[in-house]
Amino acid sequence: DKEIYEAAKIDGASKMKQITAITLPLLRPTIIIMTLMAIGRVFYSDFGLFYQVPMNAGTLFSTTQTIDTYVYRGLMEQGNVGMSSAAGVYQSLVGFALVMIANFIVRKKDPENALF
């Protein structure tokens, strides 16, 4: 709200003080939620970069093999549904666990900004 910034300016707050005392505290819940959501995507990779760029080149294969490309190659090239499903579930469970741990830490520090 512009009135908050106008009141701070009348009180003599500099632009930096307005940022640290008004803007960042108001953005704090959004920053926390976005960080928690990003933590869950840590184990996901850029599929297009890691699959389409090397295109099974022998020298790059071991370097560009990620969980996402492993699941795709397991399903499309090898037909191994069980192992691909297990890898996908593992990726999801680890991401979920990381979100839960991060949410637990946020809940200890600031309960009203936690996801649940």
PDB file of N, CA and C in Angstrom:
ATOM      1  N   ASP A   1       0.849  -1.174   0.000  1.00  0.00           N
ATOM      2  CA  ASP A   1       0.000   0.000   0.000  1.00  0.00           C
ATOM      3  C   ASP A   1       0.896   1.239   0.000  1.00  0.00           C
ATOM      4  N   LYS A   2       0.594   2.173  -0.866  1.00  0.00           N
ATOM      5  CA  LYS A   2       1.418   3.379  -0.998  1.00  0.00           C
ATOM      6  C   LYS A   2       1.381   4.249   0.258  1.00  0.00           C
ATOM      7  N   GLU A   3       0.309   4.160   1.026  1.00  0.00           N
ATOM      8  CA  GLU A   3       0.209   4.971   2.241  1.00  0.00           C
ATOM      9  C   GLU A   3       1.288   4.599   3.247  1.00  0.00           C
ATOM     10  N   ILE A   4       1.648   3.333   3.309  1.00  0.00           N
ATOM     11  CA  ILE A   4       2.698   2.904   4.245  1.00  0.00           C
ATOM     12  C   ILE A   4       4.026   3.548   3.866  1.00  0.00           C
ATOM     13  N   TYR A   5       4.326   3.556   2.560  1.00  0.00           N
ATOM     14  CA  TYR A   5       5.571   4.167   2.099  1.00  0.00           C
ATOM     15  C   TYR A   5       5.549   5.683   2.287  1.00  0.00           C
ATOM     16  N   GLU A   6       4.408   6.314   2.084  1.00  0.00           N
ATOM     17  CA  GLU A   6       4.296   7.758   2.296  1.00  0.00           C
ATOM     18  C   GLU A   6       4.497   8.106   3.762  1.00  0.00           C
ATOM     19  N   ALA A   7       3.919   7.288   4.649  1.00  0.00           N
ATOM     20  CA  ALA A   7       4.097   7.524   6.083  1.00  0.00           C
ATOM     21  C   ALA A   7       5.559   7.345   6.481  1.00  0.00           C
ATOM     22  N   ALA A   8       6.228   6.361   5.908  1.00  0.00           N
ATOM     23  CA  ALA A   8       7.645   6.142   6.217  1.00  0.00           C
ATOM     24  C   ALA A   8       8.491   7.292   5.695  1.00  0.00           C
ATOM     25  N   LYS A   9       8.135   7.798   4.524  1.00  0.00           N
ATOM     26  CA  LYS A   9       8.892   8.924   3.954  1.00  0.00           C
ATOM     27  C   LYS A   9       8.714  10.173   4.825  1.00  0.00           C
ATOM     28  N   ILE A  10       7.503  10.394   5.313  1.00  0.00           N
ATOM     29  CA  ILE A  10       7.253  11.548   6.193  1.00  0.00           C
ATOM     30  C   ILE A  10       8.024  11.403   7.502  1.00  0.00           C
ATOM     31  N   ASP A  11       8.154  10.157   7.980  1.00  0.00           N
ATOM     32  CA  ASP A  11       8.907   9.912   9.213  1.00  0.00           C
ATOM     33  C   ASP A  11      10.409  10.005   9.003  1.00  0.00           C
ATOM     34  N   GLY A  12      10.845  10.145   7.753  1.00  0.00           N
ATOM     35  CA  GLY A  12      12.263  10.325   7.477  1.00  0.00           C
ATOM     36  C   GLY A  12      13.004   9.059   7.097  1.00  0.00           C
ATOM     37  N   ALA A  13      12.293   8.030   6.736  1.00  0.00           N
ATOM     38  CA  ALA A  13      12.948   6.779   6.354  1.00  0.00           C
ATOM     39  C   ALA A  13      13.555   6.905   4.955  1.00  0.00           C
ATOM     40  N   SER A  14      14.796   6.450   4.824  1.00  0.00           N
ATOM     41  CA  SER A  14      15.437   6.458   3.508  1.00  0.00           C
ATOM     42  C   SER A  14      14.856   5.319   2.657  1.00  0.00           C
ATOM     43  N   LYS A  15      15.240   5.290   1.384  1.00  0.00           N
ATOM     44  CA  LYS A  15      14.733   4.243   0.499  1.00  0.00           C
ATOM     45  C   LYS A  15      15.182   2.854   0.982  1.00  0.00           C
ATOM     46  N   MET A  16      16.415   2.756   1.445  1.00  0.00           N
ATOM     47  CA  MET A  16      16.917   1.483   1.949  1.00  0.00           C
ATOM     48  C   MET A  16      16.173   1.053   3.210  1.00  0.00           C
ATOM     49  N   LYS A  17      15.873   1.987   4.065  1.00  0.00           N
ATOM     50  CA  LYS A  17      15.117   1.682   5.287  1.00  0.00           C
ATOM     51  C   LYS A  17      13.693   1.238   4.935  1.00  0.00           C
ATOM     52  N   GLN A  18      13.097   1.850   3.906  1.00  0.00           N
ATOM     53  CA  GLN A  18      11.768   1.437   3.459  1.00  0.00           C
ATOM     54  C   GLN A  18      11.799  -0.001   2.935  1.00  0.00           C
ATOM     55  N   ILE A  19      12.855  -0.332   2.214  1.00  0.00           N
ATOM     56  CA  ILE A  19      12.967  -1.694   1.681  1.00  0.00           C
ATOM     57  C   ILE A  19      13.104  -2.698   2.812  1.00  0.00           C
ATOM     58  N   THR A  20      13.992  -2.403   3.766  1.00  0.00           N
ATOM     59  CA  THR A  20      14.238  -3.364   4.845  1.00  0.00           C
ATOM     60  C   THR A  20      13.116  -3.411   5.880  1.00  0.00           C
ATOM     61  N   ALA A  21      12.405  -2.319   6.085  1.00  0.00           N
ATOM     62  CA  ALA A  21      11.379  -2.286   7.124  1.00  0.00           C
ATOM     63  C   ALA A  21       9.972  -2.535   6.602  1.00  0.00           C
ATOM     64  N   ILE A  22       9.744  -2.314   5.303  1.00  0.00           N
ATOM     65  CA  ILE A  22       8.387  -2.451   4.772  1.00  0.00           C
ATOM     66  C   ILE A  22       8.305  -3.535   3.687  1.00  0.00           C
ATOM     67  N   THR A  23       9.099  -3.384   2.649  1.00  0.00           N
ATOM     68  CA  THR A  23       8.963  -4.262   1.487  1.00  0.00           C
ATOM     69  C   THR A  23       9.313  -5.714   1.812  1.00  0.00           C
ATOM     70  N   LEU A  24      10.481  -5.943   2.390  1.00  0.00           N
ATOM     71  CA  LEU A  24      10.896  -7.323   2.671  1.00  0.00           C
ATOM     72  C   LEU A  24       9.986  -8.035   3.674  1.00  0.00           C
ATOM     73  N   PRO A  25       9.570  -7.386   4.768  1.00  0.00           N
ATOM     74  CA  PRO A  25       8.631  -8.081   5.655  1.00  0.00           C
ATOM     75  C   PRO A  25       7.287  -8.410   4.981  1.00  0.00           C
ATOM     76  N   LEU A  26       6.836  -7.557   4.064  1.00  0.00           N
ATOM     77  CA  LEU A  26       5.581  -7.854   3.372  1.00  0.00           C
ATOM     78  C   LEU A  26       5.753  -8.971   2.337  1.00  0.00           C
ATOM     79  N   LEU A  27       6.948  -9.103   1.782  1.00  0.00           N
ATOM     80  CA  LEU A  27       7.220 -10.160   0.806  1.00  0.00           C
ATOM     81  C   LEU A  27       7.652 -11.480   1.445  1.00  0.00           C
ATOM     82  N   ARG A  28       7.907 -11.468   2.726  1.00  0.00           N
ATOM     83  CA  ARG A  28       8.417 -12.647   3.421  1.00  0.00           C
ATOM     84  C   ARG A  28       7.546 -13.893   3.234  1.00  0.00           C
ATOM     85  N   PRO A  29       6.224 -13.843   3.399  1.00  0.00           N
ATOM     86  CA  PRO A  29       5.426 -15.062   3.184  1.00  0.00           C
ATOM     87  C   PRO A  29       5.538 -15.605   1.755  1.00  0.00           C
ATOM     88  N   THR A  30       5.567 -14.729   0.782  1.00  0.00           N
ATOM     89  CA  THR A  30       5.689 -15.164  -0.609  1.00  0.00           C
ATOM     90  C   THR A  30       7.050 -15.792  -0.858  1.00  0.00           C
ATOM     91  N   ILE A  31       8.091 -15.201  -0.321  1.00  0.00           N
ATOM     92  CA  ILE A  31       9.436 -15.745  -0.488  1.00  0.00           C
ATOM     93  C   ILE A  31       9.546 -17.123   0.151  1.00  0.00           C
ATOM     94  N   ILE A  32       8.960 -17.292   1.325  1.00  0.00           N
ATOM     95  CA  ILE A  32       9.013 -18.578   2.019  1.00  0.00           C
ATOM     96  C   ILE A  32       8.267 -19.652   1.233  1.00  0.00           C
ATOM     97  N   ILE A  33       7.077 -19.347   0.751  1.00  0.00           N
ATOM     98  CA  ILE A  33       6.297 -20.327  -0.008  1.00  0.00           C
ATOM     99  C   ILE A  33       7.009 -20.699  -1.301  1.00  0.00           C
ATOM    100  N   MET A  34       7.540 -19.726  -2.009  1.00  0.00           N
ATOM    101  CA  MET A  34       8.244 -20.010  -3.264  1.00  0.00           C
ATOM    102  C   MET A  34       9.507 -20.842  -3.010  1.00  0.00           C
ATOM    103  N   THR A  35      10.194 -20.577  -1.916  1.00  0.00           N
ATOM    104  CA  THR A  35      11.375 -21.364  -1.577  1.00  0.00           C
ATOM    105  C   THR A  35      10.996 -22.798  -1.239  1.00  0.00           C
ATOM    106  N   LEU A  36       9.928 -22.989  -0.485  1.00  0.00           N
ATOM    107  CA  LEU A  36       9.492 -24.343  -0.152  1.00  0.00           C
ATOM    108  C   LEU A  36       9.089 -25.123  -1.413  1.00  0.00           C
ATOM    109  N   MET A  37       8.434 -24.469  -2.328  1.00  0.00           N
ATOM    110  CA  MET A  37       8.054 -25.139  -3.577  1.00  0.00           C
ATOM    111  C   MET A  37       9.280 -25.467  -4.435  1.00  0.00           C
ATOM    112  N   ALA A  38      10.266 -24.594  -4.424  1.00  0.00           N
ATOM    113  CA  ALA A  38      11.477 -24.830  -5.213  1.00  0.00           C
ATOM    114  C   ALA A  38      12.322 -25.953  -4.617  1.00  0.00           C
ATOM    115  N   ILE A  39      12.293 -26.120  -3.315  1.00  0.00           N
ATOM    116  CA  ILE A  39      13.056 -27.183  -2.671  1.00  0.00           C
ATOM    117  C   ILE A  39      12.560 -28.548  -3.149  1.00  0.00           C
ATOM    118  N   GLY A  40      11.279 -28.687  -3.376  1.00  0.00           N
ATOM    119  CA  GLY A  40      10.733 -29.951  -3.853  1.00  0.00           C
ATOM    120  C   GLY A  40      11.176 -30.303  -5.257  1.00  0.00           C
ATOM    121  N   ARG A  41      11.638 -29.340  -6.032  1.00  0.00           N
ATOM    122  CA  ARG A  41      12.067 -29.576  -7.416  1.00  0.00           C
ATOM    123  C   ARG A  41      13.581 -29.737  -7.546  1.00  0.00           C
ATOM    124  N   VAL A  42      14.277 -29.924  -6.440  1.00  0.00           N
ATOM    125  CA  VAL A  42      15.732 -30.008  -6.472  1.00  0.00           C
ATOM    126  C   VAL A  42      16.199 -31.195  -7.316  1.00  0.00           C
ATOM    127  N   PHE A  43      15.531 -32.318  -7.241  1.00  0.00           N
ATOM    128  CA  PHE A  43      15.979 -33.519  -7.939  1.00  0.00           C
ATOM    129  C   PHE A  43      15.459 -33.616  -9.368  1.00  0.00           C
ATOM    130  N   TYR A  44      14.725 -32.634  -9.832  1.00  0.00           N
ATOM    131  CA  TYR A  44      14.250 -32.643 -11.209  1.00  0.00           C
ATOM    132  C   TYR A  44      15.253 -31.899 -12.078  1.00  0.00           C
ATOM    133  N   SER A  45      15.423 -32.377 -13.304  1.00  0.00           N
ATOM    134  CA  SER A  45      16.401 -31.749 -14.195  1.00  0.00           C
ATOM    135  C   SER A  45      15.697 -31.178 -15.420  1.00  0.00           C
ATOM    136  N   ASP A  46      16.452 -30.458 -16.207  1.00  0.00           N
ATOM    137  CA  ASP A  46      15.954 -29.922 -17.471  1.00  0.00           C
ATOM    138  C   ASP A  46      16.006 -31.048 -18.502  1.00  0.00           C
ATOM    139  N   PHE A  47      14.883 -31.706 -18.705  1.00  0.00           N
ATOM    140  CA  PHE A  47      14.844 -32.905 -19.540  1.00  0.00           C
ATOM    141  C   PHE A  47      15.324 -32.627 -20.955  1.00  0.00           C
ATOM    142  N   GLY A  48      14.893 -31.541 -21.540  1.00  0.00           N
ATOM    143  CA  GLY A  48      15.285 -31.214 -22.911  1.00  0.00           C
ATOM    144  C   GLY A  48      16.781 -31.051 -23.056  1.00  0.00           C
ATOM    145  N   LEU A  49      17.406 -30.433 -22.088  1.00  0.00           N
ATOM    146  CA  LEU A  49      18.851 -30.216 -22.138  1.00  0.00           C
ATOM    147  C   LEU A  49      19.603 -31.536 -21.991  1.00  0.00           C
ATOM    148  N   PHE A  50      19.201 -32.353 -21.045  1.00  0.00           N
ATOM    149  CA  PHE A  50      19.959 -33.562 -20.751  1.00  0.00           C
ATOM    150  C   PHE A  50      19.612 -34.742 -21.651  1.00  0.00           C
ATOM    151  N   TYR A  51      18.514 -34.686 -22.373  1.00  0.00           N
ATOM    152  CA  TYR A  51      18.189 -35.794 -23.270  1.00  0.00           C
ATOM    153  C   TYR A  51      18.375 -35.431 -24.734  1.00  0.00           C
ATOM    154  N   GLN A  52      17.857 -34.300 -25.149  1.00  0.00           N
ATOM    155  CA  GLN A  52      17.867 -33.969 -26.570  1.00  0.00           C
ATOM    156  C   GLN A  52      19.200 -33.418 -27.059  1.00  0.00           C
ATOM    157  N   VAL A  53      19.943 -32.749 -26.227  1.00  0.00           N
ATOM    158  CA  VAL A  53      21.221 -32.191 -26.677  1.00  0.00           C
ATOM    159  C   VAL A  53      22.255 -33.295 -26.921  1.00  0.00           C
ATOM    160  N   PRO A  54      22.529 -34.204 -25.954  1.00  0.00           N
ATOM    161  CA  PRO A  54      23.543 -35.228 -26.237  1.00  0.00           C
ATOM    162  C   PRO A  54      23.043 -36.360 -27.137  1.00  0.00           C
ATOM    163  N   MET A  55      21.756 -36.670 -27.140  1.00  0.00           N
ATOM    164  CA  MET A  55      21.154 -37.728 -27.964  1.00  0.00           C
ATOM    165  C   MET A  55      21.971 -39.021 -27.951  1.00  0.00           C
ATOM    166  N   ASN A  56      22.180 -39.566 -26.754  1.00  0.00           N
ATOM    167  CA  ASN A  56      22.863 -40.847 -26.552  1.00  0.00           C
ATOM    168  C   ASN A  56      24.304 -40.864 -27.045  1.00  0.00           C
ATOM    169  N   ALA A  57      24.970 -39.727 -27.065  1.00  0.00           N
ATOM    170  CA  ALA A  57      26.380 -39.697 -27.422  1.00  0.00           C
ATOM    171  C   ALA A  57      27.170 -40.442 -26.351  1.00  0.00           C
ATOM    172  N   GLY A  58      28.021 -41.333 -26.757  1.00  0.00           N
ATOM    173  CA  GLY A  58      28.748 -42.186 -25.819  1.00  0.00           C
ATOM    174  C   GLY A  58      29.569 -41.426 -24.806  1.00  0.00           C
ATOM    175  N   THR A  59      30.208 -40.352 -25.225  1.00  0.00           N
ATOM    176  CA  THR A  59      31.062 -39.618 -24.297  1.00  0.00           C
ATOM    177  C   THR A  59      30.263 -38.786 -23.304  1.00  0.00           C
ATOM    178  N   LEU A  60      29.071 -38.384 -23.667  1.00  0.00           N
ATOM    179  CA  LEU A  60      28.266 -37.538 -22.783  1.00  0.00           C
ATOM    180  C   LEU A  60      27.235 -38.322 -21.983  1.00  0.00           C
ATOM    181  N   PHE A  61      27.024 -39.568 -22.314  1.00  0.00           N
ATOM    182  CA  PHE A  61      25.943 -40.333 -21.697  1.00  0.00           C
ATOM    183  C   PHE A  61      26.075 -40.414 -20.178  1.00  0.00           C
ATOM    184  N   SER A  62      27.243 -40.744 -19.686  1.00  0.00           N
ATOM    185  CA  SER A  62      27.398 -40.905 -18.235  1.00  0.00           C
ATOM    186  C   SER A  62      27.286 -39.565 -17.500  1.00  0.00           C
ATOM    187  N   THR A  63      27.625 -38.494 -18.175  1.00  0.00           N
ATOM    188  CA  THR A  63      27.564 -37.170 -17.544  1.00  0.00           C
ATOM    189  C   THR A  63      26.148 -36.620 -17.529  1.00  0.00           C
ATOM    190  N   THR A  64      25.372 -36.907 -18.564  1.00  0.00           N
ATOM    191  CA  THR A  64      24.036 -36.322 -18.694  1.00  0.00           C
ATOM    192  C   THR A  64      22.923 -37.245 -18.224  1.00  0.00           C
ATOM    193  N   GLN A  65      23.251 -38.375 -17.640  1.00  0.00           N
ATOM    194  CA  GLN A  65      22.220 -39.288 -17.148  1.00  0.00           C
ATOM    195  C   GLN A  65      21.678 -38.750 -15.826  1.00  0.00           C
ATOM    196  N   THR A  66      20.420 -38.329 -15.815  1.00  0.00           N
ATOM    197  CA  THR A  66      19.749 -37.859 -14.603  1.00  0.00           C
ATOM    198  C   THR A  66      18.581 -38.793 -14.319  1.00  0.00           C
ATOM    199  N   ILE A  67      17.892 -38.570 -13.211  1.00  0.00           N
ATOM    200  CA  ILE A  67      16.760 -39.430 -12.880  1.00  0.00           C
ATOM    201  C   ILE A  67      15.675 -39.309 -13.943  1.00  0.00           C
ATOM    202  N   ASP A  68      15.429 -38.096 -14.424  1.00  0.00           N
ATOM    203  CA  ASP A  68      14.399 -37.895 -15.451  1.00  0.00           C
ATOM    204  C   ASP A  68      14.736 -38.637 -16.733  1.00  0.00           C
ATOM    205  N   THR A  69      15.966 -38.537 -17.197  1.00  0.00           N
ATOM    206  CA  THR A  69      16.336 -39.230 -18.433  1.00  0.00           C
ATOM    207  C   THR A  69      16.399 -40.735 -18.213  1.00  0.00           C
ATOM    208  N   TYR A  70      16.760 -41.170 -17.008  1.00  0.00           N
ATOM    209  CA  TYR A  70      16.778 -42.599 -16.696  1.00  0.00           C
ATOM    210  C   TYR A  70      15.375 -43.185 -16.781  1.00  0.00           C
ATOM    211  N   VAL A  71      14.404 -42.468 -16.223  1.00  0.00           N
ATOM    212  CA  VAL A  71      13.021 -42.935 -16.275  1.00  0.00           C
ATOM    213  C   VAL A  71      12.538 -43.002 -17.722  1.00  0.00           C
ATOM    214  N   TYR A  72      12.834 -41.980 -18.505  1.00  0.00           N
ATOM    215  CA  TYR A  72      12.395 -41.960 -19.897  1.00  0.00           C
ATOM    216  C   TYR A  72      13.057 -43.072 -20.709  1.00  0.00           C
ATOM    217  N   ARG A  73      14.361 -43.221 -20.562  1.00  0.00           N
ATOM    218  CA  ARG A  73      15.061 -44.274 -21.305  1.00  0.00           C
ATOM    219  C   ARG A  73      14.611 -45.659 -20.859  1.00  0.00           C
ATOM    220  N   GLY A  74      14.356 -45.811 -19.575  1.00  0.00           N
ATOM    221  CA  GLY A  74      13.880 -47.096 -19.069  1.00  0.00           C
ATOM    222  C   GLY A  74      12.540 -47.471 -19.653  1.00  0.00           C
ATOM    223  N   LEU A  75      11.669 -46.501 -19.829  1.00  0.00           N
ATOM    224  CA  LEU A  75      10.348 -46.790 -20.391  1.00  0.00           C
ATOM    225  C   LEU A  75      10.389 -46.954 -21.908  1.00  0.00           C
ATOM    226  N   MET A  76      11.031 -46.050 -22.609  1.00  0.00           N
ATOM    227  CA  MET A  76      10.965 -46.029 -24.075  1.00  0.00           C
ATOM    228  C   MET A  76      11.941 -46.979 -24.747  1.00  0.00           C
ATOM    229  N   GLU A  77      13.135 -47.097 -24.216  1.00  0.00           N
ATOM    230  CA  GLU A  77      14.145 -47.890 -24.903  1.00  0.00           C
ATOM    231  C   GLU A  77      14.253 -49.311 -24.357  1.00  0.00           C
ATOM    232  N   GLN A  78      14.092 -49.464 -23.051  1.00  0.00           N
ATOM    233  CA  GLN A  78      14.275 -50.776 -22.449  1.00  0.00           C
ATOM    234  C   GLN A  78      12.960 -51.451 -22.089  1.00  0.00           C
ATOM    235  N   GLY A  79      11.895 -50.689 -21.978  1.00  0.00           N
ATOM    236  CA  GLY A  79      10.595 -51.246 -21.606  1.00  0.00           C
ATOM    237  C   GLY A  79      10.536 -51.724 -20.172  1.00  0.00           C
ATOM    238  N   ASN A  80      11.392 -51.212 -19.324  1.00  0.00           N
ATOM    239  CA  ASN A  80      11.469 -51.626 -17.925  1.00  0.00           C
ATOM    240  C   ASN A  80      10.576 -50.717 -17.080  1.00  0.00           C
ATOM    241  N   VAL A  81       9.307 -51.053 -17.012  1.00  0.00           N
ATOM    242  CA  VAL A  81       8.320 -50.223 -16.318  1.00  0.00           C
ATOM    243  C   VAL A  81       8.569 -50.204 -14.819  1.00  0.00           C
ATOM    244  N   GLY A  82       8.920 -51.329 -14.253  1.00  0.00           N
ATOM    245  CA  GLY A  82       9.108 -51.417 -12.806  1.00  0.00           C
ATOM    246  C   GLY A  82      10.231 -50.533 -12.299  1.00  0.00           C
ATOM    247  N   MET A  83      11.382 -50.613 -12.955  1.00  0.00           N
ATOM    248  CA  MET A  83      12.521 -49.806 -12.508  1.00  0.00           C
ATOM    249  C   MET A  83      12.281 -48.320 -12.759  1.00  0.00           C
ATOM    250  N   SER A  84      11.635 -47.985 -13.859  1.00  0.00           N
ATOM    251  CA  SER A  84      11.331 -46.582 -14.144  1.00  0.00           C
ATOM    252  C   SER A  84      10.342 -46.030 -13.123  1.00  0.00           C
ATOM    253  N   SER A  85       9.346 -46.817 -12.782  1.00  0.00           N
ATOM    254  CA  SER A  85       8.375 -46.388 -11.772  1.00  0.00           C
ATOM    255  C   SER A  85       9.037 -46.213 -10.416  1.00  0.00           C
ATOM    256  N   ALA A  86       9.921 -47.136 -10.071  1.00  0.00           N
ATOM    257  CA  ALA A  86      10.617 -47.039  -8.787  1.00  0.00           C
ATOM    258  C   ALA A  86      11.480 -45.784  -8.731  1.00  0.00           C
ATOM    259  N   ALA A  87      12.166 -45.475  -9.828  1.00  0.00           N
ATOM    260  CA  ALA A  87      12.993 -44.272  -9.858  1.00  0.00           C
ATOM    261  C   ALA A  87      12.135 -43.017  -9.754  1.00  0.00           C
ATOM    262  N   GLY A  88      10.994 -42.993 -10.436  1.00  0.00           N
ATOM    263  CA  GLY A  88      10.096 -41.844 -10.355  1.00  0.00           C
ATOM    264  C   GLY A  88       9.514 -41.668  -8.965  1.00  0.00           C
ATOM    265  N   VAL A  89       9.134 -42.771  -8.321  1.00  0.00           N
ATOM    266  CA  VAL A  89       8.599 -42.705  -6.957  1.00  0.00           C
ATOM    267  C   VAL A  89       9.684 -42.232  -5.992  1.00  0.00           C
ATOM    268  N   TYR A  90      10.890 -42.750  -6.169  1.00  0.00           N
ATOM    269  CA  TYR A  90      12.011 -42.325  -5.321  1.00  0.00           C
ATOM    270  C   TYR A  90      12.231 -40.821  -5.444  1.00  0.00           C
ATOM    271  N   GLN A  91      12.227 -40.320  -6.666  1.00  0.00           N
ATOM    272  CA  GLN A  91      12.424 -38.893  -6.901  1.00  0.00           C
ATOM    273  C   GLN A  91      11.322 -38.082  -6.214  1.00  0.00           C
ATOM    274  N   SER A  92      10.103 -38.528  -6.317  1.00  0.00           N
ATOM    275  CA  SER A  92       8.980 -37.819  -5.698  1.00  0.00           C
ATOM    276  C   SER A  92       9.046 -37.874  -4.176  1.00  0.00           C
ATOM    277  N   LEU A  93       9.379 -39.024  -3.637  1.00  0.00           N
ATOM    278  CA  LEU A  93       9.439 -39.164  -2.178  1.00  0.00           C
ATOM    279  C   LEU A  93      10.559 -38.326  -1.565  1.00  0.00           C
ATOM    280  N   VAL A  94      11.703 -38.283  -2.228  1.00  0.00           N
ATOM    281  CA  VAL A  94      12.798 -37.468  -1.709  1.00  0.00           C
ATOM    282  C   VAL A  94      12.420 -35.984  -1.778  1.00  0.00           C
ATOM    283  N   GLY A  95      11.792 -35.558  -2.860  1.00  0.00           N
ATOM    284  CA  GLY A  95      11.329 -34.178  -2.959  1.00  0.00           C
ATOM    285  C   GLY A  95      10.305 -33.854  -1.888  1.00  0.00           C
ATOM    286  N   PHE A  96       9.374 -34.775  -1.659  1.00  0.00           N
ATOM    287  CA  PHE A  96       8.365 -34.584  -0.615  1.00  0.00           C
ATOM    288  C   PHE A  96       9.005 -34.500   0.764  1.00  0.00           C
ATOM    289  N   ALA A  97       9.982 -35.365   1.029  1.00  0.00           N
ATOM    290  CA  ALA A  97      10.668 -35.339   2.325  1.00  0.00           C
ATOM    291  C   ALA A  97      11.409 -34.019   2.522  1.00  0.00           C
ATOM    292  N   LEU A  98      12.044 -33.516   1.474  1.00  0.00           N
ATOM    293  CA  LEU A  98      12.741 -32.238   1.588  1.00  0.00           C
ATOM    294  C   LEU A  98      11.771 -31.092   1.880  1.00  0.00           C
ATOM    295  N   VAL A  99      10.613 -31.117   1.243  1.00  0.00           N
ATOM    296  CA  VAL A  99       9.606 -30.079   1.503  1.00  0.00           C
ATOM    297  C   VAL A  99       9.111 -30.179   2.945  1.00  0.00           C
ATOM    298  N   MET A 100       8.889 -31.395   3.420  1.00  0.00           N
ATOM    299  CA  MET A 100       8.420 -31.570   4.798  1.00  0.00           C
ATOM    300  C   MET A 100       9.459 -31.078   5.811  1.00  0.00           C
ATOM    301  N   ILE A 101      10.729 -31.387   5.562  1.00  0.00           N
ATOM    302  CA  ILE A 101      11.792 -30.940   6.469  1.00  0.00           C
ATOM    303  C   ILE A 101      11.898 -29.419   6.458  1.00  0.00           C
ATOM    304  N   ALA A 102      11.872 -28.835   5.266  1.00  0.00           N
ATOM    305  CA  ALA A 102      11.950 -27.374   5.171  1.00  0.00           C
ATOM    306  C   ALA A 102      10.734 -26.713   5.820  1.00  0.00           C
ATOM    307  N   ASN A 103       9.557 -27.300   5.632  1.00  0.00           N
ATOM    308  CA  ASN A 103       8.347 -26.760   6.251  1.00  0.00           C
ATOM    309  C   ASN A 103       8.424 -26.872   7.775  1.00  0.00           C
ATOM    310  N   PHE A 104       8.990 -27.957   8.280  1.00  0.00           N
ATOM    311  CA  PHE A 104       9.168 -28.122   9.724  1.00  0.00           C
ATOM    312  C   PHE A 104      10.068 -27.015  10.287  1.00  0.00           C
ATOM    313  N   ILE A 105      11.147 -26.708   9.555  1.00  0.00           N
ATOM    314  CA  ILE A 105      12.064 -25.648   9.987  1.00  0.00           C
ATOM    315  C   ILE A 105      11.356 -24.295   9.974  1.00  0.00           C
ATOM    316  N   VAL A 106      10.581 -24.029   8.920  1.00  0.00           N
ATOM    317  CA  VAL A 106       9.841 -22.760   8.835  1.00  0.00           C
ATOM    318  C   VAL A 106       8.811 -22.677   9.957  1.00  0.00           C
ATOM    319  N   ARG A 107       8.137 -23.795  10.252  1.00  0.00           N
ATOM    320  CA  ARG A 107       7.119 -23.802  11.307  1.00  0.00           C
ATOM    321  C   ARG A 107       7.739 -23.516  12.665  1.00  0.00           C
ATOM    322  N   LYS A 108       8.973 -23.979  12.897  1.00  0.00           N
ATOM    323  CA  LYS A 108       9.650 -23.691  14.169  1.00  0.00           C
ATOM    324  C   LYS A 108      10.007 -22.211  14.290  1.00  0.00           C
ATOM    325  N   LYS A 109      10.420 -21.589  13.174  1.00  0.00           N
ATOM    326  CA  LYS A 109      10.832 -20.188  13.198  1.00  0.00           C
ATOM    327  C   LYS A 109       9.654 -19.223  13.122  1.00  0.00           C
ATOM    328  N   ASP A 110       8.685 -19.524  12.227  1.00  0.00           N
ATOM    329  CA  ASP A 110       7.570 -18.604  11.978  1.00  0.00           C
ATOM    330  C   ASP A 110       6.331 -19.415  11.605  1.00  0.00           C
ATOM    331  N   PRO A 111       5.541 -19.832  12.584  1.00  0.00           N
ATOM    332  CA  PRO A 111       4.421 -20.747  12.327  1.00  0.00           C
ATOM    333  C   PRO A 111       3.377 -20.234  11.350  1.00  0.00           C
ATOM    334  N   GLU A 112       3.150 -18.949  11.279  1.00  0.00           N
ATOM    335  CA  GLU A 112       2.075 -18.451  10.404  1.00  0.00           C
ATOM    336  C   GLU A 112       2.475 -18.452   8.927  1.00  0.00           C
ATOM    337  N   ASN A 113       3.758 -18.613   8.615  1.00  0.00           N
ATOM    338  CA  ASN A 113       4.202 -18.632   7.227  1.00  0.00           C
ATOM    339  C   ASN A 113       4.476 -20.033   6.697  1.00  0.00           C
ATOM    340  N   ALA A 114       4.277 -21.057   7.516  1.00  0.00           N
ATOM    341  CA  ALA A 114       4.490 -22.433   7.064  1.00  0.00           C
ATOM    342  C   ALA A 114       3.338 -22.869   6.155  1.00  0.00           C
ATOM    343  N   LEU A 115       3.606 -23.893   5.340  1.00  0.00           N
ATOM    344  CA  LEU A 115       2.560 -24.398   4.455  1.00  0.00           C
ATOM    345  C   LEU A 115       1.410 -25.002   5.240  1.00  0.00           C
ATOM    346  N   PHE A 116       1.740 -25.811   6.232  1.00  0.00           N
ATOM    347  CA  PHE A 116       0.719 -26.451   7.075  1.00  0.00           C
ATOM    348  C   PHE A 116       1.310 -26.770   8.419  1.00  0.00           C
TER     349      PHE A 116
END
